[in-house]
Amino acid sequence: MRRIHPEGLHPTPGYSHVTVAPAGPTAYLSGQCPLDAEGLLVGAGDVLAQTEQVVANALRALAAAGAGPSDVVRAVVHVRTDDTATLAAVWRHLRASALGPALTSAATLLGASALGYEGQLAEVDLTAVLPAA
């Protein structure tokens, strides 16, 4: 995987402007939500607690595909907020988590007015290139 920071583009808080991945099988994960194995919302009203569940679910989904955080080539983080401090807090929390290496590739952080589940505050959408067998 090659991560590129083109000259003339702004510095980033850890992600790459461009990620070039080798040809190979690719895993497209659905947005990972803060739901437990029974489908119940974890961390109602607490965006960082929800982010922890999102991380756990994303790691589980990546592993099921035979991938890990360092195989991620694209990450999109959705947070139900319009507050930049909350967005930054979620970003820092994700970067410090076991999923952190996934956020060194091409990544986008978005504030959203609503997410798919009642009470949901965070979601992570990942694309990974699977390691050679």
C-alpha atoms as a PDB file:
ATOM      1  CA  MET A   1       0.000   0.000   0.000  1.00  0.00           C
ATOM      2  CA  ARG A   2       1.280   3.431  -0.873  1.00  0.00           C
ATOM      3  CA  ARG A   3       0.029   6.488   0.980  1.00  0.00           C
ATOM      4  CA  ILE A   4       0.643   9.834  -0.703  1.00  0.00           C
ATOM      5  CA  HIS A   5       0.654  13.376   0.644  1.00  0.00           C
ATOM      6  CA  PRO A   6       0.826  15.472  -2.564  1.00  0.00           C
ATOM      7  CA  GLU A   7       2.825  18.666  -2.424  1.00  0.00           C
ATOM      8  CA  GLY A   8       0.557  21.691  -2.333  1.00  0.00           C
ATOM      9  CA  LEU A   9      -2.241  19.985  -0.371  1.00  0.00           C
ATOM     10  CA  HIS A  10      -2.919  20.830   3.278  1.00  0.00           C
ATOM     11  CA  PRO A  11      -1.371  18.834   6.124  1.00  0.00           C
ATOM     12  CA  THR A  12      -3.688  16.240   7.658  1.00  0.00           C
ATOM     13  CA  PRO A  13      -4.327  14.973  11.190  1.00  0.00           C
ATOM     14  CA  GLY A  14      -3.035  11.519  10.286  1.00  0.00           C
ATOM     15  CA  TYR A  15      -4.871  10.441   7.129  1.00  0.00           C
ATOM     16  CA  SER A  16      -3.418  10.372   3.609  1.00  0.00           C
ATOM     17  CA  HIS A  17      -4.823  12.395   0.742  1.00  0.00           C
ATOM     18  CA  VAL A  18      -4.266   9.419  -1.580  1.00  0.00           C
ATOM     19  CA  THR A  19      -3.945   5.687  -0.977  1.00  0.00           C
ATOM     20  CA  VAL A  20      -2.781   3.461  -3.820  1.00  0.00           C
ATOM     21  CA  ALA A  21      -3.579  -0.198  -3.243  1.00  0.00           C
ATOM     22  CA  PRO A  22      -2.192  -3.218  -5.040  1.00  0.00           C
ATOM     23  CA  ALA A  23      -4.575  -5.202  -7.216  1.00  0.00           C
ATOM     24  CA  GLY A  24      -6.285  -7.962  -5.346  1.00  0.00           C
ATOM     25  CA  PRO A  25      -9.465  -8.954  -3.613  1.00  0.00           C
ATOM     26  CA  THR A  26     -11.202  -6.083  -1.849  1.00  0.00           C
ATOM     27  CA  ALA A  27     -13.588  -6.127   1.107  1.00  0.00           C
ATOM     28  CA  TYR A  28     -16.290  -3.474   1.302  1.00  0.00           C
ATOM     29  CA  LEU A  29     -17.651  -3.291   4.829  1.00  0.00           C
ATOM     30  CA  SER A  30     -21.090  -1.957   5.565  1.00  0.00           C
ATOM     31  CA  GLY A  31     -21.129   0.991   7.919  1.00  0.00           C
ATOM     32  CA  GLN A  32     -20.298  -0.398  11.354  1.00  0.00           C
ATOM     33  CA  CYS A  33     -22.765   0.852  13.936  1.00  0.00           C
ATOM     34  CA  PRO A  34     -22.738   0.995  17.755  1.00  0.00           C
ATOM     35  CA  LEU A  35     -24.935  -2.087  18.104  1.00  0.00           C
ATOM     36  CA  ASP A  36     -24.098  -5.164  20.142  1.00  0.00           C
ATOM     37  CA  ALA A  37     -24.482  -8.769  18.934  1.00  0.00           C
ATOM     38  CA  GLU A  38     -28.180  -8.671  19.841  1.00  0.00           C
ATOM     39  CA  GLY A  39     -28.744  -5.503  17.813  1.00  0.00           C
ATOM     40  CA  LEU A  40     -29.092  -3.233  20.846  1.00  0.00           C
ATOM     41  CA  LEU A  41     -27.633   0.274  20.882  1.00  0.00           C
ATOM     42  CA  VAL A  42     -24.538   0.594  23.088  1.00  0.00           C
ATOM     43  CA  GLY A  43     -23.693   3.878  24.837  1.00  0.00           C
ATOM     44  CA  ALA A  44     -26.935   5.804  24.450  1.00  0.00           C
ATOM     45  CA  GLY A  45     -26.150   9.524  24.403  1.00  0.00           C
ATOM     46  CA  ASP A  46     -22.364   8.952  24.661  1.00  0.00           C
ATOM     47  CA  VAL A  47     -20.577   9.394  21.334  1.00  0.00           C
ATOM     48  CA  LEU A  48     -17.255   8.010  22.622  1.00  0.00           C
ATOM     49  CA  ALA A  49     -18.865   4.899  24.123  1.00  0.00           C
ATOM     50  CA  GLN A  50     -20.603   4.367  20.810  1.00  0.00           C
ATOM     51  CA  THR A  51     -17.300   4.866  19.021  1.00  0.00           C
ATOM     52  CA  GLU A  52     -15.790   2.059  21.124  1.00  0.00           C
ATOM     53  CA  GLN A  53     -18.546  -0.311  19.978  1.00  0.00           C
ATOM     54  CA  VAL A  54     -18.066   0.805  16.373  1.00  0.00           C
ATOM     55  CA  VAL A  55     -14.341   0.004  16.694  1.00  0.00           C
ATOM     56  CA  ALA A  56     -15.071  -3.450  18.135  1.00  0.00           C
ATOM     57  CA  ASN A  57     -17.567  -4.187  15.360  1.00  0.00           C
ATOM     58  CA  ALA A  58     -15.236  -2.912  12.625  1.00  0.00           C
ATOM     59  CA  LEU A  59     -12.356  -5.049  13.912  1.00  0.00           C
ATOM     60  CA  ARG A  60     -14.649  -8.091  13.973  1.00  0.00           C
ATOM     61  CA  ALA A  61     -15.869  -7.421  10.416  1.00  0.00           C
ATOM     62  CA  LEU A  62     -12.337  -6.869   9.101  1.00  0.00           C
ATOM     63  CA  ALA A  63     -11.139 -10.097  10.721  1.00  0.00           C
ATOM     64  CA  ALA A  64     -14.048 -12.004   9.164  1.00  0.00           C
ATOM     65  CA  ALA A  65     -12.839 -10.808   5.757  1.00  0.00           C
ATOM     66  CA  GLY A  66      -9.259 -11.851   6.547  1.00  0.00           C
ATOM     67  CA  ALA A  67      -8.063  -8.275   6.957  1.00  0.00           C
ATOM     68  CA  GLY A  68      -6.877  -5.931   9.665  1.00  0.00           C
ATOM     69  CA  PRO A  69      -6.759  -2.161  10.186  1.00  0.00           C
ATOM     70  CA  SER A  70      -3.538  -1.786   8.179  1.00  0.00           C
ATOM     71  CA  ASP A  71      -5.291  -3.283   5.126  1.00  0.00           C
ATOM     72  CA  VAL A  72      -7.883  -0.493   5.021  1.00  0.00           C
ATOM     73  CA  VAL A  73      -7.547   1.776   1.985  1.00  0.00           C
ATOM     74  CA  ARG A  74     -10.565   4.034   2.601  1.00  0.00           C
ATOM     75  CA  ALA A  75     -12.392   5.077   5.761  1.00  0.00           C
ATOM     76  CA  VAL A  76     -15.469   7.254   6.126  1.00  0.00           C
ATOM     77  CA  VAL A  77     -16.442   8.290   9.654  1.00  0.00           C
ATOM     78  CA  HIS A  78     -19.960   9.594  10.272  1.00  0.00           C
ATOM     79  CA  VAL A  79     -20.808  11.430  13.502  1.00  0.00           C
ATOM     80  CA  ARG A  80     -24.248  12.774  14.328  1.00  0.00           C
ATOM     81  CA  THR A  81     -23.200  16.316  15.133  1.00  0.00           C
ATOM     82  CA  ASP A  82     -22.427  19.698  13.638  1.00  0.00           C
ATOM     83  CA  ASP A  83     -19.932  20.470  16.414  1.00  0.00           C
ATOM     84  CA  THR A  84     -16.304  20.443  15.257  1.00  0.00           C
ATOM     85  CA  ALA A  85     -15.054  19.707  18.781  1.00  0.00           C
ATOM     86  CA  THR A  86     -17.160  16.531  18.878  1.00  0.00           C
ATOM     87  CA  LEU A  87     -15.937  15.531  15.424  1.00  0.00           C
ATOM     88  CA  ALA A  88     -12.328  16.058  16.536  1.00  0.00           C
ATOM     89  CA  ALA A  89     -12.896  14.059  19.737  1.00  0.00           C
ATOM     90  CA  VAL A  90     -14.254  11.093  17.785  1.00  0.00           C
ATOM     91  CA  TRP A  91     -11.352  11.318  15.318  1.00  0.00           C
ATOM     92  CA  ARG A  92      -8.789  11.334  18.166  1.00  0.00           C
ATOM     93  CA  HIS A  93     -10.576   8.437  19.868  1.00  0.00           C
ATOM     94  CA  LEU A  94     -10.537   6.380  16.671  1.00  0.00           C
ATOM     95  CA  ARG A  95      -6.881   7.178  15.948  1.00  0.00           C
ATOM     96  CA  ALA A  96      -5.903   6.048  19.473  1.00  0.00           C
ATOM     97  CA  SER A  97      -7.895   2.804  19.190  1.00  0.00           C
ATOM     98  CA  ALA A  98      -6.904  -0.560  17.725  1.00  0.00           C
ATOM     99  CA  LEU A  99      -8.597   0.640  14.519  1.00  0.00           C
ATOM    100  CA  GLY A 100      -6.215   3.628  14.329  1.00  0.00           C
ATOM    101  CA  PRO A 101      -4.034   2.277  11.473  1.00  0.00           C
ATOM    102  CA  ALA A 102      -7.135   2.220   9.254  1.00  0.00           C
ATOM    103  CA  LEU A 103      -7.318   6.003   9.514  1.00  0.00           C
ATOM    104  CA  THR A 104      -3.872   6.548   8.001  1.00  0.00           C
ATOM    105  CA  SER A 105      -5.275   5.765   4.540  1.00  0.00           C
ATOM    106  CA  ALA A 106      -7.614   7.986   2.571  1.00  0.00           C
ATOM    107  CA  ALA A 107     -10.236   9.058   5.102  1.00  0.00           C
ATOM    108  CA  THR A 108     -13.208  11.352   5.454  1.00  0.00           C
ATOM    109  CA  LEU A 109     -14.817  12.654   8.656  1.00  0.00           C
ATOM    110  CA  LEU A 110     -18.423  13.804   8.289  1.00  0.00           C
ATOM    111  CA  GLY A 111     -20.956  15.425  10.567  1.00  0.00           C
ATOM    112  CA  ALA A 112     -24.464  14.135   9.910  1.00  0.00           C
ATOM    113  CA  SER A 113     -27.940  15.245  10.943  1.00  0.00           C
ATOM    114  CA  ALA A 114     -29.146  11.652  11.304  1.00  0.00           C
ATOM    115  CA  LEU A 115     -27.826   8.080  11.154  1.00  0.00           C
ATOM    116  CA  GLY A 116     -29.681   4.839  10.534  1.00  0.00           C
ATOM    117  CA  TYR A 117     -30.633   3.744  14.056  1.00  0.00           C
ATOM    118  CA  GLU A 118     -32.532   5.616  16.732  1.00  0.00           C
ATOM    119  CA  GLY A 119     -29.988   7.191  19.092  1.00  0.00           C
ATOM    120  CA  GLN A 120     -27.017   6.336  16.871  1.00  0.00           C
ATOM    121  CA  LEU A 121     -24.214   8.906  17.069  1.00  0.00           C
ATOM    122  CA  ALA A 122     -21.308   7.243  15.207  1.00  0.00           C
ATOM    123  CA  GLU A 123     -20.608   4.931  12.274  1.00  0.00           C
ATOM    124  CA  VAL A 124     -17.495   3.865  10.336  1.00  0.00           C
ATOM    125  CA  ASP A 125     -17.498   2.674   6.715  1.00  0.00           C
ATOM    126  CA  LEU A 126     -14.336   0.834   5.591  1.00  0.00           C
ATOM    127  CA  THR A 127     -12.838  -0.577   2.399  1.00  0.00           C
ATOM    128  CA  ALA A 128      -9.881  -2.964   2.700  1.00  0.00           C
ATOM    129  CA  VAL A 129      -7.594  -4.718   0.234  1.00  0.00           C
ATOM    130  CA  LEU A 130      -7.122  -8.280   1.390  1.00  0.00           C
ATOM    131  CA  PRO A 131      -3.572  -9.487   1.978  1.00  0.00           C
ATOM    132  CA  ALA A 132      -2.138 -11.931  -0.548  1.00  0.00           C
ATOM    133  CA  ALA A 133      -2.888 -15.521   0.382  1.00  0.00           C
END
